[in-house]
């Protein structure tokens, strides 16, 4: 695997840590493919293809999030995706909190309070 790809994963984890996430892991993958087209027993062309990508898992406020990028060009490009993922995770958390409060209010209104 390219050192550049490994460096990007290190930067991602450090950036996520500074952004206040509870957990982050970044997994990089690189694939190199070679294909050869043969017609009438002659090689028509040879094609080399290289793909690389990074998958990122986060826990923010107890909510899991995932994002990925294929063939990243720069850390700035990844940072934008990471920021959006963290923002979406915060939104999910706030909605869960609202739903929980609503459920508690409904329980109280319906007098379904359990005593222990």
PDB file of N, CA and C in Angstrom:
ATOM      1  N   UNK A   1       0.836  -1.176   0.000  1.00  0.00           N
ATOM      2  CA  UNK A   1       0.000   0.000   0.000  1.00  0.00           C
ATOM      3  C   UNK A   1       0.883   1.242   0.000  1.00  0.00           C
ATOM      4  N   UNK A   2       0.419   2.248  -0.698  1.00  0.00           N
ATOM      5  CA  UNK A   2       1.189   3.482  -0.789  1.00  0.00           C
ATOM      6  C   UNK A   2       1.307   4.167   0.570  1.00  0.00           C
ATOM      7  N   UNK A   3       2.443   4.770   0.805  1.00  0.00           N
ATOM      8  CA  UNK A   3       2.660   5.512   2.043  1.00  0.00           C
ATOM      9  C   UNK A   3       1.699   6.698   2.134  1.00  0.00           C
ATOM     10  N   UNK A   4       1.397   7.291   0.983  1.00  0.00           N
ATOM     11  CA  UNK A   4       0.482   8.436   0.955  1.00  0.00           C
ATOM     12  C   UNK A   4      -0.900   8.059   1.501  1.00  0.00           C
ATOM     13  N   UNK A   5      -1.384   6.890   1.147  1.00  0.00           N
ATOM     14  CA  UNK A   5      -2.675   6.417   1.625  1.00  0.00           C
ATOM     15  C   UNK A   5      -2.642   6.160   3.128  1.00  0.00           C
ATOM     16  N   UNK A   6      -1.562   5.593   3.613  1.00  0.00           N
ATOM     17  CA  UNK A   6      -1.408   5.374   5.051  1.00  0.00           C
ATOM     18  C   UNK A   6      -1.337   6.696   5.799  1.00  0.00           C
ATOM     19  N   UNK A   7      -0.637   7.672   5.227  1.00  0.00           N
ATOM     20  CA  UNK A   7      -0.558   8.996   5.850  1.00  0.00           C
ATOM     21  C   UNK A   7      -1.933   9.650   5.943  1.00  0.00           C
ATOM     22  N   UNK A   8      -2.752   9.465   4.904  1.00  0.00           N
ATOM     23  CA  UNK A   8      -4.110  10.026   4.927  1.00  0.00           C
ATOM     24  C   UNK A   8      -4.937   9.414   6.048  1.00  0.00           C
ATOM     25  N   UNK A   9      -4.835   8.104   6.247  1.00  0.00           N
ATOM     26  CA  UNK A   9      -5.608   7.471   7.321  1.00  0.00           C
ATOM     27  C   UNK A   9      -5.159   7.978   8.690  1.00  0.00           C
ATOM     28  N   UNK A  10      -3.863   8.196   8.863  1.00  0.00           N
ATOM     29  CA  UNK A  10      -3.364   8.763  10.127  1.00  0.00           C
ATOM     30  C   UNK A  10      -3.931  10.166  10.357  1.00  0.00           C
ATOM     31  N   UNK A  11      -3.935  10.985   9.308  1.00  0.00           N
ATOM     32  CA  UNK A  11      -4.473  12.345   9.416  1.00  0.00           C
ATOM     33  C   UNK A  11      -5.963  12.327   9.750  1.00  0.00           C
ATOM     34  N   UNK A  12      -6.687  11.383   9.152  1.00  0.00           N
ATOM     35  CA  UNK A  12      -8.127  11.266   9.401  1.00  0.00           C
ATOM     36  C   UNK A  12      -8.394  10.984  10.874  1.00  0.00           C
ATOM     37  N   UNK A  13      -7.675  10.025  11.423  1.00  0.00           N
ATOM     38  CA  UNK A  13      -7.894   9.647  12.824  1.00  0.00           C
ATOM     39  C   UNK A  13      -7.527  10.802  13.753  1.00  0.00           C
ATOM     40  N   UNK A  14      -6.437  11.479  13.483  1.00  0.00           N
ATOM     41  CA  UNK A  14      -6.041  12.627  14.321  1.00  0.00           C
ATOM     42  C   UNK A  14      -7.058  13.761  14.215  1.00  0.00           C
ATOM     43  N   UNK A  15      -7.546  14.020  13.010  1.00  0.00           N
ATOM     44  CA  UNK A  15      -8.532  15.078  12.814  1.00  0.00           C
ATOM     45  C   UNK A  15      -9.846  14.741  13.527  1.00  0.00           C
ATOM     46  N   UNK A  16     -10.285  13.491  13.413  1.00  0.00           N
ATOM     47  CA  UNK A  16     -11.520  13.069  14.072  1.00  0.00           C
ATOM     48  C   UNK A  16     -11.383  13.193  15.583  1.00  0.00           C
ATOM     49  N   UNK A  17     -10.235  12.840  16.115  1.00  0.00           N
ATOM     50  CA  UNK A  17      -9.989  12.954  17.553  1.00  0.00           C
ATOM     51  C   UNK A  17     -10.086  14.417  17.996  1.00  0.00           C
ATOM     52  N   UNK A  18      -9.500  15.309  17.218  1.00  0.00           N
ATOM     53  CA  UNK A  18      -9.572  16.750  17.532  1.00  0.00           C
ATOM     54  C   UNK A  18     -10.990  17.289  17.388  1.00  0.00           C
ATOM     55  N   UNK A  19     -11.803  16.610  16.567  1.00  0.00           N
ATOM     56  CA  UNK A  19     -13.187  17.065  16.340  1.00  0.00           C
ATOM     57  C   UNK A  19     -14.136  16.580  17.430  1.00  0.00           C
ATOM     58  N   UNK A  20     -13.628  15.788  18.354  1.00  0.00           N
ATOM     59  CA  UNK A  20     -14.430  15.379  19.504  1.00  0.00           C
ATOM     60  C   UNK A  20     -15.211  14.086  19.354  1.00  0.00           C
ATOM     61  N   UNK A  21     -14.892  13.282  18.335  1.00  0.00           N
ATOM     62  CA  UNK A  21     -15.598  12.003  18.215  1.00  0.00           C
ATOM     63  C   UNK A  21     -15.105  11.045  19.296  1.00  0.00           C
ATOM     64  N   UNK A  22     -15.957  10.107  19.665  1.00  0.00           N
ATOM     65  CA  UNK A  22     -15.602   9.156  20.720  1.00  0.00           C
ATOM     66  C   UNK A  22     -14.746   8.006  20.197  1.00  0.00           C
ATOM     67  N   UNK A  23     -14.907   7.693  18.914  1.00  0.00           N
ATOM     68  CA  UNK A  23     -14.167   6.576  18.317  1.00  0.00           C
ATOM     69  C   UNK A  23     -14.036   6.831  16.828  1.00  0.00           C
ATOM     70  N   UNK A  24     -12.915   6.440  16.271  1.00  0.00           N
ATOM     71  CA  UNK A  24     -12.717   6.549  14.825  1.00  0.00           C
ATOM     72  C   UNK A  24     -11.754   5.458  14.369  1.00  0.00           C
ATOM     73  N   UNK A  25     -12.105   4.802  13.273  1.00  0.00           N
ATOM     74  CA  UNK A  25     -11.114   3.972  12.602  1.00  0.00           C
ATOM     75  C   UNK A  25     -11.206   4.247  11.107  1.00  0.00           C
ATOM     76  N   UNK A  26     -10.079   4.155  10.461  1.00  0.00           N
ATOM     77  CA  UNK A  26      -9.996   4.407   9.022  1.00  0.00           C
ATOM     78  C   UNK A  26      -9.303   3.213   8.378  1.00  0.00           C
ATOM     79  N   UNK A  27      -9.912   2.692   7.336  1.00  0.00           N
ATOM     80  CA  UNK A  27      -9.361   1.518   6.642  1.00  0.00           C
ATOM     81  C   UNK A  27      -9.103   1.881   5.194  1.00  0.00           C
ATOM     82  N   UNK A  28      -7.894   1.660   4.777  1.00  0.00           N
ATOM     83  CA  UNK A  28      -7.503   1.984   3.402  1.00  0.00           C
ATOM     84  C   UNK A  28      -7.386   0.702   2.588  1.00  0.00           C
ATOM     85  N   UNK A  29      -7.727   0.815   1.321  1.00  0.00           N
ATOM     86  CA  UNK A  29      -7.618  -0.328   0.422  1.00  0.00           C
ATOM     87  C   UNK A  29      -7.111   0.164  -0.922  1.00  0.00           C
ATOM     88  N   UNK A  30      -6.281  -0.661  -1.519  1.00  0.00           N
ATOM     89  CA  UNK A  30      -5.726  -0.337  -2.832  1.00  0.00           C
ATOM     90  C   UNK A  30      -5.795  -1.593  -3.695  1.00  0.00           C
ATOM     91  N   UNK A  31      -6.333  -1.449  -4.887  1.00  0.00           N
ATOM     92  CA  UNK A  31      -6.434  -2.577  -5.812  1.00  0.00           C
ATOM     93  C   UNK A  31      -5.782  -2.197  -7.136  1.00  0.00           C
ATOM     94  N   UNK A  32      -5.004  -3.105  -7.646  1.00  0.00           N
ATOM     95  CA  UNK A  32      -4.388  -2.928  -8.959  1.00  0.00           C
ATOM     96  C   UNK A  32      -4.888  -4.072  -9.834  1.00  0.00           C
ATOM     97  N   UNK A  33      -5.475  -3.709 -10.971  1.00  0.00           N
ATOM     98  CA  UNK A  33      -6.029  -4.714 -11.877  1.00  0.00           C
ATOM     99  C   UNK A  33      -5.379  -4.568 -13.246  1.00  0.00           C
ATOM    100  N   UNK A  34      -5.171  -5.680 -13.863  1.00  0.00           N
ATOM    101  CA  UNK A  34      -4.622  -5.692 -15.218  1.00  0.00           C
ATOM    102  C   UNK A  34      -5.554  -6.540 -16.073  1.00  0.00           C
ATOM    103  N   UNK A  35      -5.958  -5.998 -17.224  1.00  0.00           N
ATOM    104  CA  UNK A  35      -6.795  -6.778 -18.133  1.00  0.00           C
ATOM    105  C   UNK A  35      -6.194  -6.739 -19.530  1.00  0.00           C
ATOM    106  N   UNK A  36      -6.362  -7.833 -20.207  1.00  0.00           N
ATOM    107  CA  UNK A  36      -5.808  -7.973 -21.556  1.00  0.00           C
ATOM    108  C   UNK A  36      -6.942  -8.433 -22.475  1.00  0.00           C
ATOM    109  N   UNK A  37      -7.121  -7.730 -23.574  1.00  0.00           N
ATOM    110  CA  UNK A  37      -8.119  -8.107 -24.561  1.00  0.00           C
ATOM    111  C   UNK A  37      -7.416  -8.807 -25.717  1.00  0.00           C
ATOM    112  N   UNK A  38      -7.835 -10.053 -25.954  1.00  0.00           N
ATOM    113  CA  UNK A  38      -7.253 -10.850 -27.043  1.00  0.00           C
ATOM    114  C   UNK A  38      -8.361 -11.170 -28.039  1.00  0.00           C
ATOM    115  N   UNK A  39      -8.136 -10.816 -29.275  1.00  0.00           N
ATOM    116  CA  UNK A  39      -9.078 -11.154 -30.351  1.00  0.00           C
ATOM    117  C   UNK A  39      -8.291 -11.795 -31.491  1.00  0.00           C
ATOM    118  N   UNK A  40      -8.836 -12.874 -31.994  1.00  0.00           N
ATOM    119  CA  UNK A  40      -8.182 -13.605 -33.089  1.00  0.00           C
ATOM    120  C   UNK A  40      -6.724 -13.944 -32.762  1.00  0.00           C
ATOM    121  N   UNK A  41      -6.513 -14.380 -31.547  1.00  0.00           N
ATOM    122  CA  UNK A  41      -5.199 -14.801 -31.071  1.00  0.00           C
ATOM    123  C   UNK A  41      -4.161 -13.671 -31.061  1.00  0.00           C
ATOM    124  N   UNK A  42      -4.627 -12.425 -31.067  1.00  0.00           N
ATOM    125  CA  UNK A  42      -3.715 -11.283 -30.985  1.00  0.00           C
ATOM    126  C   UNK A  42      -4.140 -10.370 -29.837  1.00  0.00           C
ATOM    127  N   UNK A  43      -3.148  -9.810 -29.189  1.00  0.00           N
ATOM    128  CA  UNK A  43      -3.426  -8.884 -28.095  1.00  0.00           C
ATOM    129  C   UNK A  43      -3.870  -7.553 -28.695  1.00  0.00           C
ATOM    130  N   UNK A  44      -5.106  -7.168 -28.373  1.00  0.00           N
ATOM    131  CA  UNK A  44      -5.649  -5.891 -28.861  1.00  0.00           C
ATOM    132  C   UNK A  44      -5.182  -4.732 -27.983  1.00  0.00           C
ATOM    133  N   UNK A  45      -5.298  -4.907 -26.675  1.00  0.00           N
ATOM    134  CA  UNK A  45      -4.780  -3.896 -25.755  1.00  0.00           C
ATOM    135  C   UNK A  45      -4.644  -4.482 -24.341  1.00  0.00           C
ATOM    136  N   UNK A  46      -3.787  -3.817 -23.592  1.00  0.00           N
ATOM    137  CA  UNK A  46      -3.554  -4.157 -22.196  1.00  0.00           C
ATOM    138  C   UNK A  46      -3.960  -2.933 -21.385  1.00  0.00           C
ATOM    139  N   UNK A  47      -4.743  -3.169 -20.345  1.00  0.00           N
ATOM    140  CA  UNK A  47      -5.224  -2.057 -19.535  1.00  0.00           C
ATOM    141  C   UNK A  47      -4.840  -2.287 -18.073  1.00  0.00           C
ATOM    142  N   UNK A  48      -4.254  -1.283 -17.476  1.00  0.00           N
ATOM    143  CA  UNK A  48      -3.952  -1.300 -16.049  1.00  0.00           C
ATOM    144  C   UNK A  48      -4.899  -0.334 -15.355  1.00  0.00           C
ATOM    145  N   UNK A  49      -5.455  -0.777 -14.238  1.00  0.00           N
ATOM    146  CA  UNK A  49      -6.386   0.063 -13.503  1.00  0.00           C
ATOM    147  C   UNK A  49      -6.050  -0.010 -12.018  1.00  0.00           C
ATOM    148  N   UNK A  50      -5.963   1.130 -11.396  1.00  0.00           N
ATOM    149  CA  UNK A  50      -5.663   1.180  -9.967  1.00  0.00           C
ATOM    150  C   UNK A  50      -6.747   1.984  -9.265  1.00  0.00           C
ATOM    151  N   UNK A  51      -7.337   1.393  -8.249  1.00  0.00           N
ATOM    152  CA  UNK A  51      -8.331   2.064  -7.413  1.00  0.00           C
ATOM    153  C   UNK A  51      -7.852   2.021  -5.981  1.00  0.00           C
ATOM    154  N   UNK A  52      -8.147   3.095  -5.271  1.00  0.00           N
ATOM    155  CA  UNK A  52      -7.850   3.110  -3.847  1.00  0.00           C
ATOM    156  C   UNK A  52      -8.978   3.838  -3.146  1.00  0.00           C
ATOM    157  N   UNK A  53      -9.157   3.526  -1.893  1.00  0.00           N
ATOM    158  CA  UNK A  53     -10.233   4.155  -1.147  1.00  0.00           C
ATOM    159  C   UNK A  53     -10.009   4.045   0.338  1.00  0.00           C
ATOM    160  N   UNK A  54     -10.795   4.822   1.068  1.00  0.00           N
ATOM    161  CA  UNK A  54     -10.712   4.826   2.528  1.00  0.00           C
ATOM    162  C   UNK A  54     -12.135   4.770   3.078  1.00  0.00           C
ATOM    163  N   UNK A  55     -12.357   3.858   4.015  1.00  0.00           N
ATOM    164  CA  UNK A  55     -13.618   3.772   4.746  1.00  0.00           C
ATOM    165  C   UNK A  55     -13.379   4.243   6.172  1.00  0.00           C
ATOM    166  N   UNK A  56     -14.310   5.039   6.682  1.00  0.00           N
ATOM    167  CA  UNK A  56     -14.138   5.642   8.014  1.00  0.00           C
ATOM    168  C   UNK A  56     -15.374   5.346   8.851  1.00  0.00           C
ATOM    169  N   UNK A  57     -15.162   4.804  10.050  1.00  0.00           N
ATOM    170  CA  UNK A  57     -16.257   4.582  11.001  1.00  0.00           C
ATOM    171  C   UNK A  57     -16.049   5.495  12.196  1.00  0.00           C
ATOM    172  N   UNK A  58     -17.151   6.080  12.663  1.00  0.00           N
ATOM    173  CA  UNK A  58     -17.096   7.022  13.778  1.00  0.00           C
ATOM    174  C   UNK A  58     -18.174   6.706  14.803  1.00  0.00           C
ATOM    175  N   UNK A  59     -17.905   7.026  16.041  1.00  0.00           N
ATOM    176  CA  UNK A  59     -18.949   7.088  17.058  1.00  0.00           C
ATOM    177  C   UNK A  59     -18.929   8.502  17.609  1.00  0.00           C
ATOM    178  N   UNK A  60     -20.071   9.172  17.482  1.00  0.00           N
ATOM    179  CA  UNK A  60     -20.232  10.519  18.005  1.00  0.00           C
ATOM    180  C   UNK A  60     -21.508  10.548  18.824  1.00  0.00           C
ATOM    181  N   UNK A  61     -21.417  10.941  20.082  1.00  0.00           N
ATOM    182  CA  UNK A  61     -22.579  10.978  20.973  1.00  0.00           C
ATOM    183  C   UNK A  61     -23.324   9.642  20.987  1.00  0.00           C
ATOM    184  N   UNK A  62     -22.584   8.565  20.904  1.00  0.00           N
ATOM    185  CA  UNK A  62     -23.180   7.243  20.963  1.00  0.00           C
ATOM    186  C   UNK A  62     -23.774   6.742  19.660  1.00  0.00           C
ATOM    187  N   UNK A  63     -23.694   7.520  18.581  1.00  0.00           N
ATOM    188  CA  UNK A  63     -24.254   7.117  17.286  1.00  0.00           C
ATOM    189  C   UNK A  63     -23.139   6.730  16.330  1.00  0.00           C
ATOM    190  N   UNK A  64     -23.301   5.564  15.676  1.00  0.00           N
ATOM    191  CA  UNK A  64     -22.343   5.127  14.667  1.00  0.00           C
ATOM    192  C   UNK A  64     -22.575   5.873  13.367  1.00  0.00           C
ATOM    193  N   UNK A  65     -21.504   6.212  12.698  1.00  0.00           N
ATOM    194  CA  UNK A  65     -21.570   6.827  11.371  1.00  0.00           C
ATOM    195  C   UNK A  65     -20.498   6.189  10.495  1.00  0.00           C
ATOM    196  N   UNK A  66     -20.721   6.258   9.201  1.00  0.00           N
ATOM    197  CA  UNK A  66     -19.762   5.702   8.256  1.00  0.00           C
ATOM    198  C   UNK A  66     -19.681   6.613   7.040  1.00  0.00           C
ATOM    199  N   UNK A  67     -18.482   6.775   6.526  1.00  0.00           N
ATOM    200  CA  UNK A  67     -18.319   7.463   5.253  1.00  0.00           C
ATOM    201  C   UNK A  67     -17.142   6.815   4.527  1.00  0.00           C
ATOM    202  N   UNK A  68     -17.108   7.025   3.232  1.00  0.00           N
ATOM    203  CA  UNK A  68     -16.004   6.467   2.450  1.00  0.00           C
ATOM    204  C   UNK A  68     -15.726   7.368   1.265  1.00  0.00           C
ATOM    205  N   UNK A  69     -14.545   7.213   0.723  1.00  0.00           N
ATOM    206  CA  UNK A  69     -14.154   7.989  -0.451  1.00  0.00           C
ATOM    207  C   UNK A  69     -13.291   7.094  -1.335  1.00  0.00           C
ATOM    208  N   UNK A  70     -13.539   7.192  -2.630  1.00  0.00           N
ATOM    209  CA  UNK A  70     -12.769   6.431  -3.608  1.00  0.00           C
ATOM    210  C   UNK A  70     -11.791   7.363  -4.307  1.00  0.00           C
ATOM    211  N   UNK A  71     -10.582   6.917  -4.455  1.00  0.00           N
ATOM    212  CA  UNK A  71      -9.517   7.679  -5.115  1.00  0.00           C
ATOM    213  C   UNK A  71      -9.397   9.104  -4.571  1.00  0.00           C
ATOM    214  N   UNK A  72      -9.122   9.219  -3.266  1.00  0.00           N
ATOM    215  CA  UNK A  72      -9.012  10.558  -2.678  1.00  0.00           C
ATOM    216  C   UNK A  72      -7.835  11.328  -3.273  1.00  0.00           C
ATOM    217  N   UNK A  73      -8.065  12.612  -3.516  1.00  0.00           N
ATOM    218  CA  UNK A  73      -7.018  13.463  -4.084  1.00  0.00           C
ATOM    219  C   UNK A  73      -6.248  14.242  -3.035  1.00  0.00           C
ATOM    220  N   UNK A  74      -6.929  14.588  -1.937  1.00  0.00           N
ATOM    221  CA  UNK A  74      -6.264  15.391  -0.911  1.00  0.00           C
ATOM    222  C   UNK A  74      -6.945  15.175   0.434  1.00  0.00           C
ATOM    223  N   UNK A  75      -6.270  15.581   1.491  1.00  0.00           N
ATOM    224  CA  UNK A  75      -6.865  15.492   2.819  1.00  0.00           C
ATOM    225  C   UNK A  75      -8.041  16.454   2.932  1.00  0.00           C
ATOM    226  N   UNK A  76      -7.971  17.609   2.281  1.00  0.00           N
ATOM    227  CA  UNK A  76      -9.057  18.590   2.327  1.00  0.00           C
ATOM    228  C   UNK A  76     -10.357  17.988   1.803  1.00  0.00           C
ATOM    229  N   UNK A  77     -10.265  17.201   0.755  1.00  0.00           N
ATOM    230  CA  UNK A  77     -11.444  16.533   0.184  1.00  0.00           C
ATOM    231  C   UNK A  77     -12.047  15.567   1.208  1.00  0.00           C
ATOM    232  N   UNK A  78     -11.212  14.822   1.879  1.00  0.00           N
ATOM    233  CA  UNK A  78     -11.661  13.876   2.892  1.00  0.00           C
ATOM    234  C   UNK A  78     -12.224  14.618   4.096  1.00  0.00           C
ATOM    235  N   UNK A  79     -11.581  15.706   4.471  1.00  0.00           N
ATOM    236  CA  UNK A  79     -11.995  16.503   5.629  1.00  0.00           C
ATOM    237  C   UNK A  79     -13.428  17.001   5.459  1.00  0.00           C
ATOM    238  N   UNK A  80     -13.796  17.438   4.267  1.00  0.00           N
ATOM    239  CA  UNK A  80     -15.158  17.903   4.001  1.00  0.00           C
ATOM    240  C   UNK A  80     -16.168  16.782   4.227  1.00  0.00           C
ATOM    241  N   UNK A  81     -15.852  15.590   3.726  1.00  0.00           N
ATOM    242  CA  UNK A  81     -16.745  14.439   3.900  1.00  0.00           C
ATOM    243  C   UNK A  81     -16.838  14.069   5.381  1.00  0.00           C
ATOM    244  N   UNK A  82     -15.710  14.091   6.066  1.00  0.00           N
ATOM    245  CA  UNK A  82     -15.672  13.764   7.490  1.00  0.00           C
ATOM    246  C   UNK A  82     -16.488  14.770   8.299  1.00  0.00           C
ATOM    247  N   UNK A  83     -16.339  16.052   7.996  1.00  0.00           N
ATOM    248  CA  UNK A  83     -17.113  17.088   8.697  1.00  0.00           C
ATOM    249  C   UNK A  83     -18.612  16.878   8.510  1.00  0.00           C
ATOM    250  N   UNK A  84     -19.027  16.562   7.291  1.00  0.00           N
ATOM    251  CA  UNK A  84     -20.447  16.310   7.033  1.00  0.00           C
ATOM    252  C   UNK A  84     -20.952  15.089   7.785  1.00  0.00           C
ATOM    253  N   UNK A  85     -20.128  14.059   7.863  1.00  0.00           N
ATOM    254  CA  UNK A  85     -20.522  12.849   8.579  1.00  0.00           C
ATOM    255  C   UNK A  85     -20.688  13.133  10.067  1.00  0.00           C
ATOM    256  N   UNK A  86     -19.772  13.901  10.642  1.00  0.00           N
ATOM    257  CA  UNK A  86     -19.868  14.262  12.059  1.00  0.00           C
ATOM    258  C   UNK A  86     -21.109  15.118  12.294  1.00  0.00           C
ATOM    259  N   UNK A  87     -21.362  16.053  11.398  1.00  0.00           N
ATOM    260  CA  UNK A  87     -22.541  16.921  11.508  1.00  0.00           C
ATOM    261  C   UNK A  87     -23.827  16.091  11.449  1.00  0.00           C
ATOM    262  N   UNK A  88     -23.889  15.125  10.523  1.00  0.00           N
ATOM    263  CA  UNK A  88     -25.064  14.261  10.417  1.00  0.00           C
ATOM    264  C   UNK A  88     -25.243  13.410  11.671  1.00  0.00           C
ATOM    265  N   UNK A  89     -24.143  12.974  12.244  1.00  0.00           N
ATOM    266  CA  UNK A  89     -24.201  12.182  13.465  1.00  0.00           C
ATOM    267  C   UNK A  89     -24.762  13.016  14.607  1.00  0.00           C
ATOM    268  N   UNK A  90     -24.351  14.283  14.697  1.00  0.00           N
ATOM    269  CA  UNK A  90     -24.884  15.187  15.723  1.00  0.00           C
ATOM    270  C   UNK A  90     -26.386  15.376  15.542  1.00  0.00           C
ATOM    271  N   UNK A  91     -26.829  15.511  14.295  1.00  0.00           N
ATOM    272  CA  UNK A  91     -28.252  15.676  14.000  1.00  0.00           C
ATOM    273  C   UNK A  91     -29.036  14.430  14.417  1.00  0.00           C
ATOM    274  N   UNK A  92     -28.496  13.260  14.112  1.00  0.00           N
ATOM    275  CA  UNK A  92     -29.141  12.003  14.492  1.00  0.00           C
ATOM    276  C   UNK A  92     -29.279  11.925  16.001  1.00  0.00           C
ATOM    277  N   UNK A  93     -28.215  12.316  16.715  1.00  0.00           N
ATOM    278  CA  UNK A  93     -28.246  12.275  18.177  1.00  0.00           C
ATOM    279  C   UNK A  93     -29.321  13.211  18.710  1.00  0.00           C
ATOM    280  N   UNK A  94     -29.410  14.432  18.183  1.00  0.00           N
ATOM    281  CA  UNK A  94     -30.392  15.384  18.691  1.00  0.00           C
ATOM    282  C   UNK A  94     -31.809  14.891  18.421  1.00  0.00           C
ATOM    283  N   UNK A  95     -32.039  14.230  17.285  1.00  0.00           N
ATOM    284  CA  UNK A  95     -33.364  13.678  16.999  1.00  0.00           C
ATOM    285  C   UNK A  95     -33.714  12.534  17.940  1.00  0.00           C
ATOM    286  N   UNK A  96     -32.723  11.699  18.264  1.00  0.00           N
ATOM    287  CA  UNK A  96     -32.975  10.604  19.200  1.00  0.00           C
ATOM    288  C   UNK A  96     -33.366  11.160  20.563  1.00  0.00           C
ATOM    289  N   UNK A  97     -32.692  12.233  20.952  1.00  0.00           N
ATOM    290  CA  UNK A  97     -32.955  12.853  22.232  1.00  0.00           C
ATOM    291  C   UNK A  97     -34.385  13.403  22.266  1.00  0.00           C
ATOM    292  N   UNK A  98     -34.816  14.058  21.191  1.00  0.00           N
ATOM    293  CA  UNK A  98     -36.167  14.601  21.109  1.00  0.00           C
ATOM    294  C   UNK A  98     -37.192  13.478  21.174  1.00  0.00           C
ATOM    295  N   UNK A  99     -36.951  12.385  20.449  1.00  0.00           N
ATOM    296  CA  UNK A  99     -37.875  11.257  20.463  1.00  0.00           C
ATOM    297  C   UNK A  99     -37.972  10.638  21.851  1.00  0.00           C
ATOM    298  N   UNK A 100     -36.864  10.554  22.561  1.00  0.00           N
ATOM    299  CA  UNK A 100     -36.872   9.991  23.900  1.00  0.00           C
ATOM    300  C   UNK A 100     -37.684  10.876  24.837  1.00  0.00           C
ATOM    301  N   UNK A 101     -37.492  12.187  24.765  1.00  0.00           N
ATOM    302  CA  UNK A 101     -38.253  13.118  25.612  1.00  0.00           C
ATOM    303  C   UNK A 101     -39.743  13.001  25.287  1.00  0.00           C
ATOM    304  N   UNK A 102     -40.082  12.942  24.000  1.00  0.00           N
ATOM    305  CA  UNK A 102     -41.479  12.795  23.582  1.00  0.00           C
ATOM    306  C   UNK A 102     -42.085  11.512  24.138  1.00  0.00           C
ATOM    307  N   UNK A 103     -41.343  10.420  24.091  1.00  0.00           N
ATOM    308  CA  UNK A 103     -41.825   9.140  24.607  1.00  0.00           C
ATOM    309  C   UNK A 103     -42.073   9.216  26.106  1.00  0.00           C
ATOM    310  N   UNK A 104     -41.182   9.857  26.833  1.00  0.00           N
ATOM    311  CA  UNK A 104     -41.353   9.996  28.285  1.00  0.00           C
ATOM    312  C   UNK A 104     -42.599  10.815  28.588  1.00  0.00           C
ATOM    313  N   UNK A 105     -42.813  11.897  27.843  1.00  0.00           N
ATOM    314  CA  UNK A 105     -44.008  12.729  28.051  1.00  0.00           C
ATOM    315  C   UNK A 105     -45.266  11.919  27.779  1.00  0.00           C
ATOM    316  N   UNK A 106     -45.254  11.115  26.708  1.00  0.00           N
ATOM    317  CA  UNK A 106     -46.415  10.290  26.391  1.00  0.00           C
ATOM    318  C   UNK A 106     -46.684   9.267  27.496  1.00  0.00           C
ATOM    319  N   UNK A 107     -45.642   8.700  28.053  1.00  0.00           N
ATOM    320  CA  UNK A 107     -45.817   7.745  29.149  1.00  0.00           C
ATOM    321  C   UNK A 107     -46.456   8.407  30.358  1.00  0.00           C
ATOM    322  N   UNK A 108     -46.008   9.612  30.659  1.00  0.00           N
ATOM    323  CA  UNK A 108     -46.560  10.338  31.812  1.00  0.00           C
ATOM    324  C   UNK A 108     -48.017  10.699  31.547  1.00  0.00           C
ATOM    325  N   UNK A 109     -48.322  11.178  30.350  1.00  0.00           N
ATOM    326  CA  UNK A 109     -49.704  11.540  30.003  1.00  0.00           C
ATOM    327  C   UNK A 109     -50.631  10.338  30.093  1.00  0.00           C
ATOM    328  N   UNK A 110     -50.174   9.206  29.669  1.00  0.00           N
ATOM    329  CA  UNK A 110     -50.987   7.993  29.685  1.00  0.00           C
ATOM    330  C   UNK A 110     -50.908   7.242  31.009  1.00  0.00           C
ATOM    331  N   UNK A 111     -50.236   7.842  31.964  1.00  0.00           N
ATOM    332  CA  UNK A 111     -50.092   7.277  33.309  1.00  0.00           C
ATOM    333  C   UNK A 111     -49.515   5.859  33.277  1.00  0.00           C
ATOM    334  N   UNK A 112     -48.542   5.685  32.412  1.00  0.00           N
ATOM    335  CA  UNK A 112     -47.882   4.384  32.328  1.00  0.00           C
ATOM    336  C   UNK A 112     -46.554   4.423  33.066  1.00  0.00           C
ATOM    337  N   UNK A 113     -46.589   4.999  34.221  1.00  0.00           N
ATOM    338  CA  UNK A 113     -45.365   5.107  35.001  1.00  0.00           C
ATOM    339  C   UNK A 113     -45.223   3.821  35.819  1.00  0.00           C
ATOM    340  N   UNK A 114     -44.110   3.220  35.695  1.00  0.00           N
ATOM    341  CA  UNK A 114     -43.847   1.955  36.384  1.00  0.00           C
ATOM    342  C   UNK A 114     -43.183   2.246  37.734  1.00  0.00           C
ATOM    343  N   UNK A 115     -43.655   1.577  38.762  1.00  0.00           N
ATOM    344  CA  UNK A 115     -43.037   1.713  40.066  1.00  0.00           C
ATOM    345  C   UNK A 115     -42.263   0.450  40.375  1.00  0.00           C
ATOM    346  N   UNK A 116     -41.135   0.632  40.969  1.00  0.00           N
ATOM    347  CA  UNK A 116     -40.284  -0.511  41.313  1.00  0.00           C
ATOM    348  C   UNK A 116     -40.268  -0.693  42.806  1.00  0.00           C
TER     349      UNK A 116
END
